[in-house]
Amino acid sequence: MKPTVKKSLSRLFEYFQIILGIFFASIGLKAFLLPNGFLDGGVTGIAILLNRQLGINVSMLLLVLSVPFLVLAYSSIARRVAWKSVISILGLAVAIQFETFPVVTNDELLIAIFGGLFLGLGIGLAIRNGAVLDGSEILGVFLNDRFGIPIGQVNLAFNIILFGITALVLSLEIALYSVLTYVITAKVTDYIIEGFEDFIGMQIVSRKHELVRLAILEKIGVGMTIYQGEGGYGHRGEQRDIKIIHTVINRIDLRKIYRVVEEVDPDAFLVEYEIHNIKGGVLRRYLKRKK
């Protein structure tokens, strides 16, 4: 298969998964949360709360409230994330407006559990493919990049304020069930994307190491370290003077770096591993491509 065709199919599959994520999230909202007055966290939760109090259309509120966060993503984080997120949030707003699902249950515990499950599944699929369904996630990424504040702590603080207001304006019971929904959503999201705010270490061994290095700098903009190595003793026999590229990326860029390396050298050897703690370097502020 030609590289251009393979690249196109890979991108189509990414957008297919984003659409699937929108579908699951809309089920969680329309079939469980919205008919029963429960809230989710983030911008979606604010939209539902304002809808309950002011009667304004949820879809319209979701779009309007997401605009500042999308502008923030476009100007400060990554334009590709911003554009995918525009499509995702617009798709979710349209789905909420026009999709009709029967109310599955009136049991409040089941509503919180399954509403959170479907929402987490949808959000996780979107994030794993480079998009977000809620603007508060963009705020978390921005503060993490600028100040090193963990994304989970940003989202937690954001939602503590939201659920506190919910307890005052609506009722303590709704606020508590909404907290349960949020916790389930967060856990399912983490399970789907295997740790959104985690970083991934990667080692790349390629005969075209210089071209791979330049492609990663240009198309992804991450820093890296080049090791001098000696080849192993596989079917090609002993090899000398091998350059080993070592880099650390955010998980959201994992699919892209695989695509970039494969375009340059389909035979490159890649090793991916989890990173639990980092400090210093240019990791938290990806290099500008022009530099």
Protein backbone atom coordinates (compact mmCIF):
# COMPACT_ATOMS: atom_id res chain seq x y z
CA MET A 1 0.00 0.00 0.00
CA LYS A 2 1.32 3.45 -0.95
CA PRO A 3 2.33 5.71 1.98
CA THR A 4 -0.11 8.45 0.89
CA VAL A 5 -3.01 5.99 0.75
CA LYS A 6 -2.06 4.51 4.12
CA LYS A 7 -1.81 8.00 5.62
CA SER A 8 -5.25 8.92 4.27
CA LEU A 9 -6.81 5.73 5.64
CA SER A 10 -5.20 6.36 9.02
CA ARG A 11 -6.67 9.86 9.18
CA LEU A 12 -10.09 8.62 8.08
CA PHE A 13 -9.98 6.05 10.87
CA GLU A 14 -9.12 8.79 13.37
CA TYR A 15 -12.15 10.83 12.32
CA PHE A 16 -14.33 7.72 12.37
CA GLN A 17 -13.36 7.14 16.00
CA ILE A 18 -14.06 10.80 16.82
CA ILE A 19 -17.54 10.47 15.27
CA LEU A 20 -18.07 7.28 17.27
CA GLY A 21 -17.01 9.18 20.40
CA ILE A 22 -19.54 11.93 19.66
CA PHE A 23 -22.24 9.27 19.28
CA PHE A 24 -21.44 7.64 22.64
CA ALA A 25 -21.26 11.00 24.42
CA SER A 26 -24.62 12.04 23.00
CA ILE A 27 -26.16 8.80 24.28
CA GLY A 28 -24.86 9.56 27.77
CA LEU A 29 -26.34 13.06 27.64
CA LYS A 30 -29.64 12.50 25.81
CA ALA A 31 -30.60 9.07 27.16
CA PHE A 32 -29.44 9.54 30.76
CA LEU A 33 -28.30 12.92 32.07
CA LEU A 34 -30.39 15.61 30.35
CA PRO A 35 -33.86 14.00 30.81
CA ASN A 36 -33.17 13.58 34.52
CA GLY A 37 -31.47 16.93 35.25
CA PHE A 38 -28.03 15.50 36.06
CA LEU A 39 -24.86 17.41 35.27
CA ASP A 40 -21.55 16.41 33.78
CA GLY A 41 -18.33 18.25 34.60
CA GLY A 42 -16.62 20.96 32.56
CA VAL A 43 -18.22 23.18 29.95
CA THR A 44 -20.95 20.62 29.27
CA GLY A 45 -21.96 20.78 32.94
CA ILE A 46 -22.10 24.58 32.84
CA ALA A 47 -24.30 24.41 29.72
CA ILE A 48 -26.70 21.98 31.42
CA LEU A 49 -26.82 24.12 34.58
CA LEU A 50 -27.61 27.29 32.61
CA ASN A 51 -30.24 25.39 30.65
CA ARG A 52 -31.91 24.33 33.90
CA GLN A 53 -31.89 27.89 35.25
CA LEU A 54 -32.48 30.01 32.13
CA GLY A 55 -34.08 27.63 29.66
CA ILE A 56 -31.50 28.41 26.95
CA ASN A 57 -30.85 25.67 24.39
CA VAL A 58 -28.06 23.31 25.60
CA SER A 59 -26.50 22.92 22.15
CA MET A 60 -26.26 26.69 21.68
CA LEU A 61 -24.76 27.13 25.13
CA LEU A 62 -22.22 24.38 24.50
CA LEU A 63 -21.02 26.09 21.31
CA VAL A 64 -20.86 29.59 22.79
CA LEU A 65 -19.10 28.52 26.00
CA SER A 66 -16.54 26.47 24.05
CA VAL A 67 -15.39 29.37 21.84
CA PRO A 68 -12.85 30.89 24.31
CA PHE A 69 -11.26 27.49 24.95
CA LEU A 70 -11.01 26.70 21.23
CA VAL A 71 -9.35 30.08 20.61
CA LEU A 72 -6.93 29.24 23.43
CA ALA A 73 -6.12 25.89 21.82
CA TYR A 74 -5.60 27.46 18.39
CA SER A 75 -3.32 30.22 19.63
CA SER A 76 -1.35 28.53 22.41
CA ILE A 77 -1.43 24.74 22.17
CA ALA A 78 -1.81 23.17 18.72
CA ARG A 79 -3.87 24.17 15.73
CA ARG A 80 -4.50 20.57 14.71
CA VAL A 81 -6.04 19.91 18.15
CA ALA A 82 -8.13 23.08 17.83
CA TRP A 83 -9.55 22.18 14.41
CA LYS A 84 -10.37 18.62 15.41
CA SER A 85 -11.98 19.94 18.58
CA VAL A 86 -14.10 22.43 16.63
CA ILE A 87 -15.43 19.53 14.56
CA SER A 88 -15.98 17.38 17.65
CA ILE A 89 -17.78 20.01 19.73
CA LEU A 90 -19.91 21.12 16.77
CA GLY A 91 -20.79 17.48 16.10
CA LEU A 92 -21.76 16.93 19.73
CA ALA A 93 -23.93 20.06 19.75
CA VAL A 94 -25.73 18.91 16.58
CA ALA A 95 -26.20 15.42 18.03
CA ILE A 96 -27.67 16.79 21.25
CA GLN A 97 -30.03 19.01 19.28
CA PHE A 98 -31.38 16.46 16.81
CA GLU A 99 -30.82 12.96 18.19
CA THR A 100 -33.67 11.36 20.09
CA PHE A 101 -33.10 8.49 22.48
CA PRO A 102 -35.71 6.90 24.73
CA VAL A 103 -35.19 7.49 28.44
CA VAL A 104 -33.65 4.22 29.56
CA THR A 105 -34.28 4.40 33.31
CA ASN A 106 -35.48 6.65 36.09
CA ASP A 107 -33.23 5.06 38.69
CA GLU A 108 -30.89 7.86 39.79
CA LEU A 109 -27.94 5.57 40.54
CA LEU A 110 -28.16 3.87 37.14
CA ILE A 111 -28.44 7.27 35.45
CA ALA A 112 -25.22 8.47 37.11
CA ILE A 113 -23.34 5.25 36.38
CA PHE A 114 -24.32 4.67 32.75
CA GLY A 115 -24.45 8.34 31.84
CA GLY A 116 -20.87 8.65 33.06
CA LEU A 117 -19.87 5.44 31.30
CA PHE A 118 -21.10 6.55 27.87
CA LEU A 119 -19.69 10.05 28.33
CA GLY A 120 -16.29 8.70 29.35
CA LEU A 121 -16.26 6.34 26.40
CA GLY A 122 -17.01 9.21 24.01
CA ILE A 123 -14.52 11.65 25.54
CA GLY A 124 -11.81 8.98 25.63
CA LEU A 125 -12.21 8.10 21.95
CA ALA A 126 -12.06 11.78 20.99
CA ILE A 127 -8.93 12.51 23.05
CA ARG A 128 -7.16 9.38 21.84
CA ASN A 129 -7.51 10.69 18.31
CA GLY A 130 -6.36 14.25 18.95
CA ALA A 131 -9.61 16.08 19.78
CA VAL A 132 -11.59 17.11 22.85
CA LEU A 133 -15.33 17.25 23.50
CA ASP A 134 -15.10 19.70 26.40
CA GLY A 135 -13.27 23.02 26.60
CA SER A 136 -12.15 22.49 30.19
CA GLU A 137 -9.77 19.79 28.94
CA ILE A 138 -8.09 22.41 26.74
CA LEU A 139 -7.69 24.67 29.77
CA GLY A 140 -6.04 21.78 31.62
CA VAL A 141 -3.58 21.15 28.77
CA PHE A 142 -2.76 24.89 28.54
CA LEU A 143 -2.05 25.30 32.26
CA ASN A 144 -0.03 22.10 32.23
CA ASP A 145 2.12 23.35 29.35
CA ARG A 146 2.66 26.82 30.86
CA PHE A 147 2.93 26.12 34.58
CA GLY A 148 3.35 22.37 34.93
CA ILE A 149 0.07 21.98 36.83
CA PRO A 150 -1.26 18.43 36.35
CA ILE A 151 -4.29 18.28 34.04
CA GLY A 152 -6.21 16.20 36.56
CA GLN A 153 -5.82 18.89 39.26
CA VAL A 154 -7.03 21.62 36.89
CA ASN A 155 -10.14 19.64 35.96
CA LEU A 156 -10.77 18.76 39.60
CA ALA A 157 -10.63 22.41 40.73
CA PHE A 158 -12.85 23.47 37.82
CA ASN A 159 -15.49 20.90 38.70
CA ILE A 160 -15.38 21.45 42.47
CA ILE A 161 -16.49 25.02 41.79
CA LEU A 162 -19.16 23.85 39.32
CA PHE A 163 -20.64 21.21 41.63
CA GLY A 164 -20.53 23.62 44.58
CA ILE A 165 -22.65 26.07 42.60
CA THR A 166 -24.95 23.21 41.59
CA ALA A 167 -25.51 22.30 45.26
CA LEU A 168 -26.46 25.91 46.03
CA VAL A 169 -28.61 26.59 42.96
CA LEU A 170 -30.33 23.22 42.42
CA SER A 171 -29.95 20.73 45.25
CA LEU A 172 -27.29 18.85 47.18
CA GLU A 173 -28.65 15.53 45.94
CA ILE A 174 -28.28 16.48 42.26
CA ALA A 175 -24.79 17.80 42.98
CA LEU A 176 -23.76 14.52 44.62
CA TYR A 177 -25.12 12.39 41.79
CA SER A 178 -23.36 14.70 39.33
CA VAL A 179 -20.09 14.21 41.20
CA LEU A 180 -20.59 10.45 40.86
CA THR A 181 -21.22 10.88 37.13
CA TYR A 182 -18.06 12.97 36.80
CA VAL A 183 -15.90 10.42 38.67
CA ILE A 184 -17.16 7.56 36.48
CA THR A 185 -16.65 9.65 33.34
CA ALA A 186 -13.08 10.48 34.37
CA LYS A 187 -12.23 6.84 35.15
CA VAL A 188 -13.66 5.52 31.90
CA THR A 189 -11.88 8.28 29.96
CA ASP A 190 -8.56 7.32 31.58
CA TYR A 191 -9.20 3.69 30.75
CA ILE A 192 -9.95 4.43 27.08
CA ILE A 193 -6.95 6.68 26.46
CA GLU A 194 -4.66 4.92 28.98
CA GLY A 195 -3.69 8.09 30.75
CA PHE A 196 -4.19 11.30 28.78
CA GLU A 197 -1.84 13.40 30.85
CA ASP A 198 0.87 10.73 30.91
CA PHE A 199 3.97 11.15 28.80
CA ILE A 200 5.39 8.48 26.56
CA GLY A 201 9.07 7.81 26.04
CA MET A 202 10.16 6.57 22.65
CA GLN A 203 13.40 5.26 21.18
CA ILE A 204 13.76 5.15 17.39
CA VAL A 205 16.48 3.25 15.56
CA SER A 206 16.65 3.99 11.84
CA ARG A 207 19.22 3.92 9.05
CA LYS A 208 17.64 7.20 7.97
CA HIS A 209 18.01 8.72 11.43
CA GLU A 210 18.84 12.22 10.16
CA LEU A 211 15.71 12.38 8.00
CA VAL A 212 13.62 10.98 10.86
CA ARG A 213 15.07 13.57 13.25
CA LEU A 214 14.25 16.45 10.89
CA ALA A 215 10.74 15.13 10.22
CA ILE A 216 9.97 14.89 13.95
CA LEU A 217 11.27 18.42 14.57
CA GLU A 218 9.31 19.86 11.65
CA LYS A 219 5.99 18.04 11.96
CA ILE A 220 5.71 17.47 15.73
CA GLY A 221 8.12 19.97 17.25
CA VAL A 222 9.44 17.93 20.18
CA GLY A 223 12.95 17.95 21.59
CA MET A 224 15.06 14.85 21.43
CA THR A 225 18.41 13.35 22.37
CA ILE A 226 20.59 11.43 19.89
CA TYR A 227 22.60 8.50 21.23
CA GLN A 228 25.54 6.86 19.53
CA GLY A 229 24.98 3.14 19.42
CA GLU A 230 26.15 -0.13 17.97
CA GLY A 231 23.80 -2.40 16.07
CA GLY A 232 22.57 -5.67 17.45
CA TYR A 233 23.12 -9.14 16.17
CA GLY A 234 19.91 -9.85 14.28
CA HIS A 235 19.47 -11.16 10.75
CA ARG A 236 21.53 -8.27 9.32
CA GLY A 237 24.50 -9.16 11.50
CA GLU A 238 26.58 -6.72 13.52
CA GLN A 239 26.12 -3.07 12.59
CA ARG A 240 28.15 -0.10 13.75
CA ASP A 241 27.62 3.64 14.04
CA ILE A 242 23.90 3.57 14.66
CA LYS A 243 22.15 6.71 15.87
CA ILE A 244 19.38 6.19 18.42
CA ILE A 245 16.74 8.92 18.69
CA HIS A 246 15.23 9.34 22.13
CA THR A 247 12.24 11.62 22.67
CA VAL A 248 9.35 12.14 25.10
CA ILE A 249 5.89 13.12 23.85
CA ASN A 250 2.39 13.63 25.16
CA ARG A 251 0.21 10.59 24.49
CA ILE A 252 -2.03 12.68 22.26
CA ASP A 253 0.83 12.82 19.72
CA LEU A 254 1.58 9.10 19.80
CA ARG A 255 -0.34 8.19 16.65
CA LYS A 256 1.18 11.12 14.77
CA ILE A 257 4.80 10.27 15.58
CA TYR A 258 4.26 6.72 14.35
CA ARG A 259 2.86 8.11 11.11
CA VAL A 260 5.74 10.59 10.69
CA VAL A 261 8.44 7.95 11.24
CA GLU A 262 6.74 5.46 8.93
CA GLU A 263 6.59 8.01 6.13
CA VAL A 264 10.37 8.46 6.29
CA ASP A 265 11.46 4.91 7.12
CA PRO A 266 8.89 2.07 7.21
CA ASP A 267 11.62 -0.27 8.53
CA ALA A 268 12.47 1.88 11.56
CA PHE A 269 12.56 0.15 14.95
CA LEU A 270 10.45 1.92 17.60
CA VAL A 271 10.27 1.20 21.32
CA GLU A 272 7.52 2.87 23.36
CA TYR A 273 7.40 2.94 27.17
CA GLU A 274 5.57 4.66 30.00
CA ILE A 275 7.04 7.65 31.87
CA HIS A 276 5.77 8.43 35.36
CA ASN A 277 7.75 11.52 36.29
CA ILE A 278 9.65 14.21 34.37
CA LYS A 279 11.40 17.47 35.14
CA GLY A 280 13.05 20.17 33.06
CA GLY A 281 13.85 20.19 29.36
CA VAL A 282 11.66 21.50 26.56
CA LEU A 283 9.06 18.79 26.97
CA ARG A 284 6.26 20.89 28.45
CA ARG A 285 6.55 23.55 25.78
CA TYR A 286 6.86 21.87 22.43
CA LEU A 287 9.33 23.55 20.09
CA LYS A 288 7.96 26.00 17.55
CA ARG A 289 8.37 24.41 14.13
CA LYS A 290 10.01 27.56 12.68
CA LYS A 291 12.83 27.18 15.21
